[in-house]
PDB file of N, CA and C in Angstrom:
ATOM      1  N   MET A   1     -19.550-172.336 -41.360  1.00  0.00           N
ATOM      2  CA  MET A   1     -18.878-172.051 -40.300  1.00  0.00           C
ATOM      3  C   MET A   1     -19.547-170.741 -40.031  1.00  0.00           C
ATOM      4  N   GLY A   2     -18.651-170.440 -38.751  1.00  0.00           N
ATOM      5  CA  GLY A   2     -18.689-169.116 -38.145  1.00  0.00           C
ATOM      6  C   GLY A   2     -18.115-168.537 -36.629  1.00  0.00           C
ATOM      7  N   THR A   3     -18.315-168.298 -35.420  1.00  0.00           N
ATOM      8  CA  THR A   3     -17.781-167.927 -34.303  1.00  0.00           C
ATOM      9  C   THR A   3     -17.532-169.404 -33.674  1.00  0.00           C
ATOM     10  N   HIS A   4     -16.219-169.692 -33.224  1.00  0.00           N
ATOM     11  CA  HIS A   4     -16.171-170.826 -32.064  1.00  0.00           C
ATOM     12  C   HIS A   4     -17.029-170.484 -31.002  1.00  0.00           C
ATOM     13  N   ILE A   5     -17.460-171.588 -29.934  1.00  0.00           N
ATOM     14  CA  ILE A   5     -18.075-171.033 -29.029  1.00  0.00           C
ATOM     15  C   ILE A   5     -17.173-170.324 -27.997  1.00  0.00           C
ATOM     16  N   GLY A   6     -15.953-170.862 -28.250  1.00  0.00           N
ATOM     17  CA  GLY A   6     -15.065-170.512 -26.746  1.00  0.00           C
ATOM     18  C   GLY A   6     -14.787-168.655 -27.227  1.00  0.00           C
ATOM     19  N   THR A   7     -14.936-168.485 -28.466  1.00  0.00           N
ATOM     20  CA  THR A   7     -14.852-166.985 -28.847  1.00  0.00           C
ATOM     21  C   THR A   7     -15.972-166.017 -28.234  1.00  0.00           C
ATOM     22  N   ARG A   8     -17.183-167.210 -28.472  1.00  0.00           N
ATOM     23  CA  ARG A   8     -18.424-166.279 -27.727  1.00  0.00           C
ATOM     24  C   ARG A   8     -18.872-166.604 -26.299  1.00  0.00           C
ATOM     25  N   ILE A   9     -18.383-167.524 -25.664  1.00  0.00           N
ATOM     26  CA  ILE A   9     -17.973-167.385 -24.621  1.00  0.00           C
ATOM     27  C   ILE A   9     -17.304-166.040 -23.988  1.00  0.00           C
ATOM     28  N   TYR A  10     -15.770-166.107 -24.648  1.00  0.00           N
ATOM     29  CA  TYR A  10     -14.857-164.976 -24.067  1.00  0.00           C
ATOM     30  C   TYR A  10     -15.516-163.837 -24.239  1.00  0.00           C
ATOM     31  N   THR A  11     -16.120-163.780 -25.001  1.00  0.00           N
ATOM     32  CA  THR A  11     -16.599-162.028 -25.841  1.00  0.00           C
ATOM     33  C   THR A  11     -18.015-161.518 -24.846  1.00  0.00           C
ATOM     34  N   ALA A  12     -18.556-162.727 -24.960  1.00  0.00           N
ATOM     35  CA  ALA A  12     -19.912-162.294 -23.489  1.00  0.00           C
ATOM     36  C   ALA A  12     -19.052-162.020 -22.531  1.00  0.00           C
ATOM     37  N   LEU A  13     -18.067-162.544 -21.747  1.00  0.00           N
ATOM     38  CA  LEU A  13     -17.812-162.205 -20.573  1.00  0.00           C
ATOM     39  C   LEU A  13     -16.760-161.310 -20.408  1.00  0.00           C
ATOM     40  N   ASN A  14     -15.958-160.892 -21.474  1.00  0.00           N
ATOM     41  CA  ASN A  14     -14.524-160.352 -21.481  1.00  0.00           C
ATOM     42  C   ASN A  14     -14.763-158.858 -22.712  1.00  0.00           C
ATOM     43  N   GLY A  15     -15.733-159.166 -22.916  1.00  0.00           N
ATOM     44  CA  GLY A  15     -15.300-157.894 -24.771  1.00  0.00           C
ATOM     45  C   GLY A  15     -16.305-157.030 -24.648  1.00  0.00           C
ATOM     46  N   LYS A  16     -15.915-155.872 -25.132  1.00  0.00           N
ATOM     47  CA  LYS A  16     -16.521-154.685 -24.942  1.00  0.00           C
ATOM     48  C   LYS A  16     -16.800-154.143 -26.438  1.00  0.00           C
ATOM     49  N   LEU A  17     -18.179-154.141 -26.742  1.00  0.00           N
ATOM     50  CA  LEU A  17     -18.212-153.790 -28.414  1.00  0.00           C
ATOM     51  C   LEU A  17     -17.868-152.595 -28.600  1.00  0.00           C
ATOM     52  N   VAL A  18     -16.847-152.245 -29.923  1.00  0.00           N
ATOM     53  CA  VAL A  18     -16.401-150.844 -29.803  1.00  0.00           C
ATOM     54  C   VAL A  18     -16.861-150.268 -30.952  1.00  0.00           C
ATOM     55  N   GLY A  19     -17.177-151.263 -32.015  1.00  0.00           N
ATOM     56  CA  GLY A  19     -17.341-150.674 -33.523  1.00  0.00           C
ATOM     57  C   GLY A  19     -17.894-151.813 -34.133  1.00  0.00           C
ATOM     58  N   LYS A  20     -18.618-151.501 -35.541  1.00  0.00           N
ATOM     59  CA  LYS A  20     -19.318-152.146 -36.613  1.00  0.00           C
ATOM     60  C   LYS A  20     -18.407-151.904 -37.867  1.00  0.00           C
ATOM     61  N   ASP A  21     -18.066-152.214 -38.843  1.00  0.00           N
ATOM     62  CA  ASP A  21     -17.988-152.058 -40.194  1.00  0.00           C
ATOM     63  C   ASP A  21     -18.986-152.186 -40.833  1.00  0.00           C
ATOM     64  N   ASP A  22     -18.865-151.402 -42.151  1.00  0.00           N
ATOM     65  CA  ASP A  22     -20.171-151.699 -43.206  1.00  0.00           C
ATOM     66  C   ASP A  22     -20.241-152.712 -43.623  1.00  0.00           C
ATOM     67  N   GLN A  23     -19.427-153.841 -43.103  1.00  0.00           N
ATOM     68  CA  GLN A  23     -19.701-155.320 -43.576  1.00  0.00           C
ATOM     69  C   GLN A  23     -20.516-156.037 -42.151  1.00  0.00           C
ATOM     70  N   GLY A  24     -20.849-155.458 -41.551  1.00  0.00           N
ATOM     71  CA  GLY A  24     -21.304-156.021 -40.221  1.00  0.00           C
ATOM     72  C   GLY A  24     -20.593-156.862 -39.587  1.00  0.00           C
ATOM     73  N   ASN A  25     -18.964-156.762 -39.467  1.00  0.00           N
ATOM     74  CA  ASN A  25     -18.309-157.325 -38.933  1.00  0.00           C
ATOM     75  C   ASN A  25     -18.200-156.406 -37.426  1.00  0.00           C
ATOM     76  N   ARG A  26     -18.072-157.294 -36.382  1.00  0.00           N
ATOM     77  CA  ARG A  26     -18.211-156.302 -34.830  1.00  0.00           C
ATOM     78  C   ARG A  26     -16.954-156.544 -34.218  1.00  0.00           C
ATOM     79  N   TYR A  27     -16.312-155.369 -33.827  1.00  0.00           N
ATOM     80  CA  TYR A  27     -15.043-155.146 -33.400  1.00  0.00           C
ATOM     81  C   TYR A  27     -15.055-154.932 -31.602  1.00  0.00           C
ATOM     82  N   TYR A  28     -14.140-155.891 -30.838  1.00  0.00           N
ATOM     83  CA  TYR A  28     -14.343-155.913 -29.379  1.00  0.00           C
ATOM     84  C   TYR A  28     -12.980-155.470 -29.160  1.00  0.00           C
ATOM     85  N   GLN A  29     -12.988-154.784 -27.794  1.00  0.00           N
ATOM     86  CA  GLN A  29     -11.756-155.164 -27.210  1.00  0.00           C
ATOM     87  C   GLN A  29     -12.447-155.184 -25.540  1.00  0.00           C
ATOM     88  N   GLU A  30     -11.271-155.484 -24.822  1.00  0.00           N
ATOM     89  CA  GLU A  30     -11.211-156.409 -23.091  1.00  0.00           C
ATOM     90  C   GLU A  30     -11.859-155.223 -22.562  1.00  0.00           C
ATOM     91  N   ARG A  31     -13.003-155.274 -21.725  1.00  0.00           N
ATOM     92  CA  ARG A  31     -13.628-154.479 -20.784  1.00  0.00           C
ATOM     93  C   ARG A  31     -12.459-154.143 -19.564  1.00  0.00           C
ATOM     94  N   SER A  32     -11.825-154.841 -19.138  1.00  0.00           N
ATOM     95  CA  SER A  32     -10.922-154.535 -17.967  1.00  0.00           C
ATOM     96  C   SER A  32      -9.471-154.263 -18.636  1.00  0.00           C
ATOM     97  N   ASP A  33      -8.725-153.360 -17.659  1.00  0.00           N
ATOM     98  CA  ASP A  33      -7.650-152.658 -18.072  1.00  0.00           C
ATOM     99  C   ASP A  33      -6.753-153.675 -17.542  1.00  0.00           C
ATOM    100  N   PRO A  34      -5.967-154.476 -17.765  1.00  0.00           N
ATOM    101  CA  PRO A  34      -5.420-155.482 -17.425  1.00  0.00           C
ATOM    102  C   PRO A  34      -3.836-154.624 -17.277  1.00  0.00           C
ATOM    103  N   LYS A  35      -3.169-155.158 -16.361  1.00  0.00           N
ATOM    104  CA  LYS A  35      -1.794-154.376 -15.751  1.00  0.00           C
ATOM    105  C   LYS A  35      -0.850-155.331 -16.139  1.00  0.00           C
ATOM    106  N   GLY A  36      -0.081-154.369 -17.111  1.00  0.00           N
ATOM    107  CA  GLY A  36       1.238-154.781 -17.616  1.00  0.00           C
ATOM    108  C   GLY A  36       1.435-155.060 -18.778  1.00  0.00           C
ATOM    109  N   ARG A  37      -0.036-155.129 -19.302  1.00  0.00           N
ATOM    110  CA  ARG A  37      -0.207-155.434 -20.923  1.00  0.00           C
ATOM    111  C   ARG A  37      -1.491-154.880 -21.364  1.00  0.00           C
ATOM    112  N   ARG A  38      -1.464-154.760 -22.662  1.00  0.00           N
ATOM    113  CA  ARG A  38      -2.662-153.844 -23.799  1.00  0.00           C
ATOM    114  C   ARG A  38      -3.850-154.472 -23.450  1.00  0.00           C
ATOM    115  N   ARG A  39      -5.027-154.114 -23.824  1.00  0.00           N
ATOM    116  CA  ARG A  39      -6.156-154.765 -23.585  1.00  0.00           C
ATOM    117  C   ARG A  39      -6.400-155.617 -24.859  1.00  0.00           C
ATOM    118  N   LYS A  40      -6.993-156.665 -25.192  1.00  0.00           N
ATOM    119  CA  LYS A  40      -6.608-157.322 -26.313  1.00  0.00           C
ATOM    120  C   LYS A  40      -7.989-156.855 -27.105  1.00  0.00           C
ATOM    121  N   ARG A  41      -7.617-157.137 -28.502  1.00  0.00           N
ATOM    122  CA  ARG A  41      -8.758-156.589 -29.681  1.00  0.00           C
ATOM    123  C   ARG A  41      -8.885-158.058 -30.315  1.00  0.00           C
ATOM    124  N   TRP A  42     -10.213-157.809 -30.835  1.00  0.00           N
ATOM    125  CA  TRP A  42     -10.610-159.164 -32.097  1.00  0.00           C
ATOM    126  C   TRP A  42     -12.020-158.442 -32.473  1.00  0.00           C
ATOM    127  N   VAL A  43     -12.012-159.329 -33.628  1.00  0.00           N
ATOM    128  CA  VAL A  43     -12.965-158.838 -34.475  1.00  0.00           C
ATOM    129  C   VAL A  43     -13.992-160.312 -34.582  1.00  0.00           C
ATOM    130  N   ILE A  44     -15.328-160.286 -34.540  1.00  0.00           N
ATOM    131  CA  ILE A  44     -16.458-161.039 -35.327  1.00  0.00           C
ATOM    132  C   ILE A  44     -17.029-160.898 -35.859  1.00  0.00           C
ATOM    133  N   TYR A  45     -16.146-161.671 -37.298  1.00  0.00           N
ATOM    134  CA  TYR A  45     -16.916-161.608 -38.979  1.00  0.00           C
ATOM    135  C   TYR A  45     -18.541-161.823 -38.723  1.00  0.00           C
ATOM    136  N   ASN A  46     -18.927-160.989 -39.575  1.00  0.00           N
ATOM    137  CA  ASN A  46     -20.332-161.622 -40.036  1.00  0.00           C
ATOM    138  C   ASN A  46     -20.398-162.174 -41.098  1.00  0.00           C
ATOM    139  N   GLY A  47     -20.360-163.879 -41.025  1.00  0.00           N
ATOM    140  CA  GLY A  47     -20.622-164.641 -41.762  1.00  0.00           C
ATOM    141  C   GLY A  47     -19.150-165.441 -41.657  1.00  0.00           C
ATOM    142  N   GLU A  48     -18.644-166.003 -42.822  1.00  0.00           N
ATOM    143  CA  GLU A  48     -17.122-166.590 -42.831  1.00  0.00           C
ATOM    144  C   GLU A  48     -16.159-165.854 -42.102  1.00  0.00           C
ATOM    145  N   PRO A  49     -15.382-166.439 -41.647  1.00  0.00           N
ATOM    146  CA  PRO A  49     -14.321-165.917 -40.997  1.00  0.00           C
ATOM    147  C   PRO A  49     -12.917-165.655 -42.010  1.00  0.00           C
ATOM    148  N   GLU A  50     -12.765-164.311 -42.441  1.00  0.00           N
ATOM    149  CA  GLU A  50     -11.876-164.313 -43.700  1.00  0.00           C
ATOM    150  C   GLU A  50     -11.282-162.866 -43.338  1.00  0.00           C
ATOM    151  N   ALA A  51      -9.961-163.135 -43.065  1.00  0.00           N
ATOM    152  CA  ALA A  51      -9.203-161.654 -42.719  1.00  0.00           C
ATOM    153  C   ALA A  51      -9.323-160.793 -43.674  1.00  0.00           C
ATOM    154  N   SER A  52      -9.232-160.962 -44.940  1.00  0.00           N
ATOM    155  CA  SER A  52      -9.208-160.016 -46.159  1.00  0.00           C
ATOM    156  C   SER A  52     -10.408-158.958 -45.970  1.00  0.00           C
ATOM    157  N   ARG A  53     -11.355-159.638 -45.241  1.00  0.00           N
ATOM    158  CA  ARG A  53     -12.724-158.558 -45.132  1.00  0.00           C
ATOM    159  C   ARG A  53     -12.798-157.380 -43.864  1.00  0.00           C
ATOM    160  N   VAL A  54     -11.406-157.432 -43.568  1.00  0.00           N
ATOM    161  CA  VAL A  54     -11.250-156.379 -42.254  1.00  0.00           C
ATOM    162  C   VAL A  54     -10.880-155.013 -43.278  1.00  0.00           C
ATOM    163  N   PRO A  55     -11.534-153.990 -43.268  1.00  0.00           N
ATOM    164  CA  PRO A  55     -11.211-152.786 -43.491  1.00  0.00           C
ATOM    165  C   PRO A  55      -9.936-152.318 -42.956  1.00  0.00           C
ATOM    166  N   ALA A  56      -9.142-151.405 -44.153  1.00  0.00           N
ATOM    167  CA  ALA A  56      -7.929-151.145 -43.700  1.00  0.00           C
ATOM    168  C   ALA A  56      -7.809-150.239 -42.506  1.00  0.00           C
ATOM    169  N   GLU A  57      -9.027-149.345 -42.099  1.00  0.00           N
ATOM    170  CA  GLU A  57      -8.984-148.412 -40.883  1.00  0.00           C
ATOM    171  C   GLU A  57      -9.105-149.154 -39.752  1.00  0.00           C
ATOM    172  N   TRP A  58      -9.840-150.496 -39.833  1.00  0.00           N
ATOM    173  CA  TRP A  58     -10.066-151.405 -38.825  1.00  0.00           C
ATOM    174  C   TRP A  58      -9.124-152.476 -38.825  1.00  0.00           C
ATOM    175  N   HIS A  59      -8.138-152.791 -39.599  1.00  0.00           N
ATOM    176  CA  HIS A  59      -6.780-153.359 -39.464  1.00  0.00           C
ATOM    177  C   HIS A  59      -5.991-153.100 -38.779  1.00  0.00           C
ATOM    178  N   GLY A  60      -5.906-151.325 -38.860  1.00  0.00           N
ATOM    179  CA  GLY A  60      -4.836-150.657 -38.248  1.00  0.00           C
ATOM    180  C   GLY A  60      -5.275-150.348 -36.789  1.00  0.00           C
ATOM    181  N   TRP A  61      -6.721-150.447 -36.531  1.00  0.00           N
ATOM    182  CA  TRP A  61      -6.767-150.490 -34.924  1.00  0.00           C
ATOM    183  C   TRP A  61      -6.618-151.511 -34.498  1.00  0.00           C
ATOM    184  N   LEU A  62      -7.114-152.758 -35.231  1.00  0.00           N
ATOM    185  CA  LEU A  62      -6.712-154.081 -34.582  1.00  0.00           C
ATOM    186  C   LEU A  62      -5.336-154.461 -33.879  1.00  0.00           C
ATOM    187  N   HIS A  63      -4.783-153.939 -35.200  1.00  0.00           N
ATOM    188  CA  HIS A  63      -2.894-154.032 -34.667  1.00  0.00           C
ATOM    189  C   HIS A  63      -2.421-153.031 -34.179  1.00  0.00           C
ATOM    190  N   TYR A  64      -3.154-152.316 -33.052  1.00  0.00           N
ATOM    191  CA  TYR A  64      -2.415-151.352 -32.144  1.00  0.00           C
ATOM    192  C   TYR A  64      -1.409-150.296 -33.011  1.00  0.00           C
ATOM    193  N   MET A  65      -2.052-149.828 -34.357  1.00  0.00           N
ATOM    194  CA  MET A  65      -1.387-148.887 -35.125  1.00  0.00           C
ATOM    195  C   MET A  65      -2.132-147.670 -34.894  1.00  0.00           C
ATOM    196  N   VAL A  66      -3.141-147.700 -34.264  1.00  0.00           N
ATOM    197  CA  VAL A  66      -4.222-146.512 -33.598  1.00  0.00           C
ATOM    198  C   VAL A  66      -4.707-146.763 -32.459  1.00  0.00           C
ATOM    199  N   ASP A  67      -4.521-145.695 -31.736  1.00  0.00           N
ATOM    200  CA  ASP A  67      -5.388-145.657 -30.341  1.00  0.00           C
ATOM    201  C   ASP A  67      -6.970-145.745 -30.509  1.00  0.00           C
ATOM    202  N   GLN A  68      -7.410-145.098 -31.445  1.00  0.00           N
ATOM    203  CA  GLN A  68      -8.665-144.717 -31.423  1.00  0.00           C
ATOM    204  C   GLN A  68      -9.078-145.380 -32.792  1.00  0.00           C
ATOM    205  N   THR A  69     -10.496-145.915 -32.612  1.00  0.00           N
ATOM    206  CA  THR A  69     -11.792-146.705 -33.443  1.00  0.00           C
ATOM    207  C   THR A  69     -11.873-145.861 -34.448  1.00  0.00           C
ATOM    208  N   PRO A  70     -11.802-146.254 -35.944  1.00  0.00           N
ATOM    209  CA  PRO A  70     -12.453-145.564 -37.129  1.00  0.00           C
ATOM    210  C   PRO A  70     -13.851-144.760 -36.612  1.00  0.00           C
ATOM    211  N   ASP A  71     -14.654-145.152 -35.779  1.00  0.00           N
ATOM    212  CA  ASP A  71     -15.861-144.385 -35.540  1.00  0.00           C
ATOM    213  C   ASP A  71     -15.233-143.160 -34.570  1.00  0.00           C
ATOM    214  N   GLU A  72     -14.644-143.299 -33.757  1.00  0.00           N
ATOM    215  CA  GLU A  72     -13.875-142.195 -32.872  1.00  0.00           C
ATOM    216  C   GLU A  72     -12.838-140.935 -32.871  1.00  0.00           C
ATOM    217  N   ALA A  73     -12.604-141.651 -34.489  1.00  0.00           N
ATOM    218  CA  ALA A  73     -11.408-140.285 -35.454  1.00  0.00           C
ATOM    219  C   ALA A  73     -11.256-141.158 -36.972  1.00  0.00           C
ATOM    220  N   PRO A  74     -12.623-140.651 -37.433  1.00  0.00           N
ATOM    221  CA  PRO A  74     -12.462-141.173 -38.924  1.00  0.00           C
ATOM    222  C   PRO A  74     -11.291-141.002 -39.581  1.00  0.00           C
ATOM    223  N   ILE A  75     -10.665-141.597 -40.569  1.00  0.00           N
ATOM    224  CA  ILE A  75      -9.606-141.643 -41.480  1.00  0.00           C
ATOM    225  C   ILE A  75     -10.426-141.018 -42.561  1.00  0.00           C
ATOM    226  N   SER A  76      -9.830-139.944 -43.309  1.00  0.00           N
ATOM    227  CA  SER A  76     -10.109-139.185 -44.352  1.00  0.00           C
ATOM    228  C   SER A  76      -9.533-140.095 -45.264  1.00  0.00           C
ATOM    229  N   ARG A  77     -10.435-140.787 -46.766  1.00  0.00           N
ATOM    230  CA  ARG A  77      -9.836-141.232 -47.463  1.00  0.00           C
ATOM    231  C   ARG A  77      -9.458-140.822 -48.760  1.00  0.00           C
ATOM    232  N   LYS A  78      -8.293-141.156 -49.452  1.00  0.00           N
ATOM    233  CA  LYS A  78      -7.627-140.567 -50.444  1.00  0.00           C
ATOM    234  C   LYS A  78      -8.375-140.860 -52.013  1.00  0.00           C
ATOM    235  N   PRO A  79      -8.510-139.722 -52.635  1.00  0.00           N
ATOM    236  CA  PRO A  79      -9.003-139.886 -53.950  1.00  0.00           C
ATOM    237  C   PRO A  79      -9.023-141.174 -54.662  1.00  0.00           C
ATOM    238  N   TRP A  80      -7.710-141.748 -54.677  1.00  0.00           N
ATOM    239  CA  TRP A  80      -7.442-142.864 -54.861  1.00  0.00           C
ATOM    240  C   TRP A  80      -7.502-144.329 -54.642  1.00  0.00           C
ATOM    241  N   GLN A  81      -8.253-144.079 -53.288  1.00  0.00           N
ATOM    242  CA  GLN A  81      -8.153-145.356 -52.861  1.00  0.00           C
ATOM    243  C   GLN A  81      -9.657-146.110 -53.286  1.00  0.00           C
ATOM    244  N   THR A  82      -9.529-147.256 -53.410  1.00  0.00           N
ATOM    245  CA  THR A  82     -11.033-147.801 -53.712  1.00  0.00           C
ATOM    246  C   THR A  82     -11.765-148.448 -52.689  1.00  0.00           C
ATOM    247  N   GLU A  83     -12.912-148.938 -52.843  1.00  0.00           N
ATOM    248  CA  GLU A  83     -13.761-149.528 -51.912  1.00  0.00           C
ATOM    249  C   GLU A  83     -12.857-151.079 -51.550  1.00  0.00           C
ATOM    250  N   HIS A  84     -13.227-151.314 -50.379  1.00  0.00           N
ATOM    251  CA  HIS A  84     -12.585-152.772 -49.753  1.00  0.00           C
ATOM    252  C   HIS A  84     -13.131-153.649 -50.844  1.00  0.00           C
ATOM    253  N   LYS A  85     -12.372-154.671 -50.975  1.00  0.00           N
ATOM    254  CA  LYS A  85     -12.750-156.077 -51.948  1.00  0.00           C
ATOM    255  C   LYS A  85     -12.565-157.186 -51.479  1.00  0.00           C
ATOM    256  N   PRO A  86     -13.224-158.016 -51.069  1.00  0.00           N
ATOM    257  CA  PRO A  86     -12.342-159.132 -49.892  1.00  0.00           C
ATOM    258  C   PRO A  86     -11.981-160.003 -50.967  1.00  0.00           C
ATOM    259  N   ASN A  87     -11.096-160.768 -50.210  1.00  0.00           N
ATOM    260  CA  ASN A  87     -10.054-161.440 -51.340  1.00  0.00           C
ATOM    261  C   ASN A  87     -10.525-162.517 -52.013  1.00  0.00           C
ATOM    262  N   GLN A  88     -10.702-162.898 -53.558  1.00  0.00           N
ATOM    263  CA  GLN A  88     -11.524-163.684 -54.441  1.00  0.00           C
ATOM    264  C   GLN A  88     -10.742-164.821 -54.638  1.00  0.00           C
ATOM    265  N   THR A  89      -9.708-165.315 -54.220  1.00  0.00           N
ATOM    266  CA  THR A  89      -8.813-166.651 -54.273  1.00  0.00           C
ATOM    267  C   THR A  89      -9.672-167.462 -54.351  1.00  0.00           C
ATOM    268  N   GLY A  90     -10.038-168.391 -55.204  1.00  0.00           N
ATOM    269  CA  GLY A  90     -10.851-169.735 -54.795  1.00  0.00           C
ATOM    270  C   GLY A  90     -12.039-169.367 -55.465  1.00  0.00           C
ATOM    271  N   THR A  91     -12.482-168.446 -56.237  1.00  0.00           N
ATOM    272  CA  THR A  91     -13.922-168.299 -56.191  1.00  0.00           C
ATOM    273  C   THR A  91     -13.736-167.817 -57.828  1.00  0.00           C
ATOM    274  N   PRO A  92     -14.292-167.478 -58.599  1.00  0.00           N
ATOM    275  CA  PRO A  92     -14.770-167.634 -60.043  1.00  0.00           C
ATOM    276  C   PRO A  92     -14.465-166.369 -60.275  1.00  0.00           C
ATOM    277  N   ASP A  93     -14.380-165.112 -59.276  1.00  0.00           N
ATOM    278  CA  ASP A  93     -14.140-164.080 -59.843  1.00  0.00           C
ATOM    279  C   ASP A  93     -12.294-163.830 -59.827  1.00  0.00           C
ATOM    280  N   ALA A  94     -11.715-164.761 -59.095  1.00  0.00           N
ATOM    281  CA  ALA A  94     -10.688-164.571 -58.942  1.00  0.00           C
ATOM    282  C   ALA A  94      -9.442-164.239 -60.154  1.00  0.00           C
ATOM    283  N   TRP A  95      -8.653-163.227 -60.153  1.00  0.00           N
ATOM    284  CA  TRP A  95      -7.825-163.208 -61.361  1.00  0.00           C
ATOM    285  C   TRP A  95      -6.859-164.524 -61.951  1.00  0.00           C
ATOM    286  N   ARG A  96      -7.166-164.501 -63.015  1.00  0.00           N
ATOM    287  CA  ARG A  96      -6.146-165.579 -63.816  1.00  0.00           C
ATOM    288  C   ARG A  96      -5.103-165.164 -64.855  1.00  0.00           C
ATOM    289  N   PRO A  97      -4.556-165.016 -65.115  1.00  0.00           N
ATOM    290  CA  PRO A  97      -3.307-164.211 -65.874  1.00  0.00           C
ATOM    291  C   PRO A  97      -3.431-164.724 -67.340  1.00  0.00           C
ATOM    292  N   PRO A  98      -3.280-164.258 -68.238  1.00  0.00           N
ATOM    293  CA  PRO A  98      -3.268-164.866 -69.439  1.00  0.00           C
ATOM    294  C   PRO A  98      -2.161-165.985 -69.846  1.00  0.00           C
ATOM    295  N   GLY A  99      -2.490-167.419 -70.492  1.00  0.00           N
ATOM    296  CA  GLY A  99      -1.793-168.503 -70.539  1.00  0.00           C
ATOM    297  C   GLY A  99      -2.103-169.282 -69.197  1.00  0.00           C
ATOM    298  N   SER A 100      -3.561-168.965 -68.248  1.00  0.00           N
ATOM    299  CA  SER A 100      -3.473-169.620 -67.419  1.00  0.00           C
ATOM    300  C   SER A 100      -4.396-171.052 -67.741  1.00  0.00           C
ATOM    301  N   GLU A 101      -3.783-172.228 -67.281  1.00  0.00           N
ATOM    302  CA  GLU A 101      -5.003-173.266 -67.711  1.00  0.00           C
ATOM    303  C   GLU A 101      -6.352-173.100 -67.246  1.00  0.00           C
ATOM    304  N   TYR A 102      -6.819-172.424 -66.574  1.00  0.00           N
ATOM    305  CA  TYR A 102      -8.338-171.817 -66.460  1.00  0.00           C
ATOM    306  C   TYR A 102      -8.847-170.771 -67.483  1.00  0.00           C
ATOM    307  N   GLU A 103      -7.483-170.123 -68.097  1.00  0.00           N
ATOM    308  CA  GLU A 103      -7.925-169.236 -69.315  1.00  0.00           C
ATOM    309  C   GLU A 103      -7.959-169.926 -70.507  1.00  0.00           C
ATOM    310  N   GLY A 104      -7.689-171.185 -70.607  1.00  0.00           N
ATOM    311  CA  GLY A 104      -7.723-172.010 -72.120  1.00  0.00           C
ATOM    312  C   GLY A 104      -6.154-172.305 -72.278  1.00  0.00           C
ATOM    313  N   GLY A 105      -5.257-171.905 -71.562  1.00  0.00           N
ATOM    314  CA  GLY A 105      -3.901-172.253 -71.366  1.00  0.00           C
ATOM    315  C   GLY A 105      -3.212-171.540 -72.918  1.00  0.00           C
ATOM    316  N   GLN A 106      -3.284-170.792 -73.505  1.00  0.00           N
ATOM    317  CA  GLN A 106      -3.334-170.077 -74.537  1.00  0.00           C
ATOM    318  C   GLN A 106      -2.648-168.642 -74.167  1.00  0.00           C
ATOM    319  N   ARG A 107      -1.388-168.569 -74.664  1.00  0.00           N
ATOM    320  CA  ARG A 107      -0.777-166.771 -74.251  1.00  0.00           C
ATOM    321  C   ARG A 107      -0.065-166.400 -75.437  1.00  0.00           C
ATOM    322  N   SER A 108       0.076-165.464 -75.201  1.00  0.00           N
ATOM    323  CA  SER A 108       0.344-164.232 -76.531  1.00  0.00           C
ATOM    324  C   SER A 108       1.960-165.064 -76.923  1.00  0.00           C
ATOM    325  N   VAL A 109       2.365-165.115 -78.032  1.00  0.00           N
ATOM    326  CA  VAL A 109       3.391-165.390 -78.670  1.00  0.00           C
ATOM    327  C   VAL A 109       4.597-164.511 -78.196  1.00  0.00           C
ATOM    328  N   ALA A 110       6.132-165.356 -77.763  1.00  0.00           N
ATOM    329  CA  ALA A 110       6.900-164.703 -77.448  1.00  0.00           C
ATOM    330  C   ALA A 110       7.600-163.749 -78.113  1.00  0.00           C
ATOM    331  N   THR A 111       7.980-162.402 -77.671  1.00  0.00           N
ATOM    332  CA  THR A 111       8.804-161.457 -78.321  1.00  0.00           C
ATOM    333  C   THR A 111       9.620-161.853 -79.191  1.00  0.00           C
ATOM    334  N   GLY A 112      10.509-162.839 -79.060  1.00  0.00           N
ATOM    335  CA  GLY A 112      11.653-163.042 -80.181  1.00  0.00           C
ATOM    336  C   GLY A 112      12.847-162.973 -79.326  1.00  0.00           C
ATOM    337  N   ASP A 113      12.802-162.135 -77.930  1.00  0.00           N
ATOM    338  CA  ASP A 113      13.952-161.965 -77.215  1.00  0.00           C
ATOM    339  C   ASP A 113      14.108-163.240 -76.388  1.00  0.00           C
ATOM    340  N   TYR A 114      13.471-163.886 -76.124  1.00  0.00           N
ATOM    341  CA  TYR A 114      13.367-165.261 -75.131  1.00  0.00           C
ATOM    342  C   TYR A 114      14.138-166.392 -75.813  1.00  0.00           C
ATOM    343  N   GLU A 115      15.287-166.964 -75.005  1.00  0.00           N
ATOM    344  CA  GLU A 115      15.685-168.292 -75.377  1.00  0.00           C
ATOM    345  C   GLU A 115      15.844-168.978 -74.342  1.00  0.00           C
ATOM    346  N   PRO A 116      14.808-169.994 -74.382  1.00  0.00           N
ATOM    347  CA  PRO A 116      14.981-170.993 -73.438  1.00  0.00           C
ATOM    348  C   PRO A 116      16.248-171.906 -73.054  1.00  0.00           C
ATOM    349  N   TRP A 117      16.570-172.114 -72.096  1.00  0.00           N
ATOM    350  CA  TRP A 117      17.763-172.842 -71.391  1.00  0.00           C
ATOM    351  C   TRP A 117      17.684-174.140 -71.645  1.00  0.00           C
ATOM    352  N   ARG A 118      18.581-174.656 -72.584  1.00  0.00           N
ATOM    353  CA  ARG A 118      18.575-176.176 -73.169  1.00  0.00           C
ATOM    354  C   ARG A 118      19.912-176.638 -71.876  1.00  0.00           C
ATOM    355  N   PRO A 119      19.988-177.802 -71.419  1.00  0.00           N
ATOM    356  CA  PRO A 119      20.866-178.545 -70.885  1.00  0.00           C
ATOM    357  C   PRO A 119      21.621-179.075 -71.983  1.00  0.00           C
ATOM    358  N   THR A 120      23.080-179.349 -72.038  1.00  0.00           N
ATOM    359  CA  THR A 120      24.087-179.474 -72.955  1.00  0.00           C
ATOM    360  C   THR A 120      24.018-180.835 -72.470  1.00  0.00           C
TER     361      THR A 120
END
């Protein structure tokens, strides 16, 4: 799957490339300044379209939280921030809690303070 033909045509006719991220996703904005509304913004994904692949700084721009792109006004990273990681749901790398069927269905023994509800 990739970008739909309608999106490609709309981008070619109306889009202005404003930047790329480290994953190769390209970010666009409408060329013309529409009267009475703000310019549309969108992303063309490099590969499968997956919203979790948009880094935080570009997410803010896409959703009109900031006016300048991360290329125009770089956002300083905090020491506690980690590198962007795409959503792993549905992949072999997905997190599976202890006791999950995918982890063998075994979990730690209850601590003894839990009493299950039993209908009377």
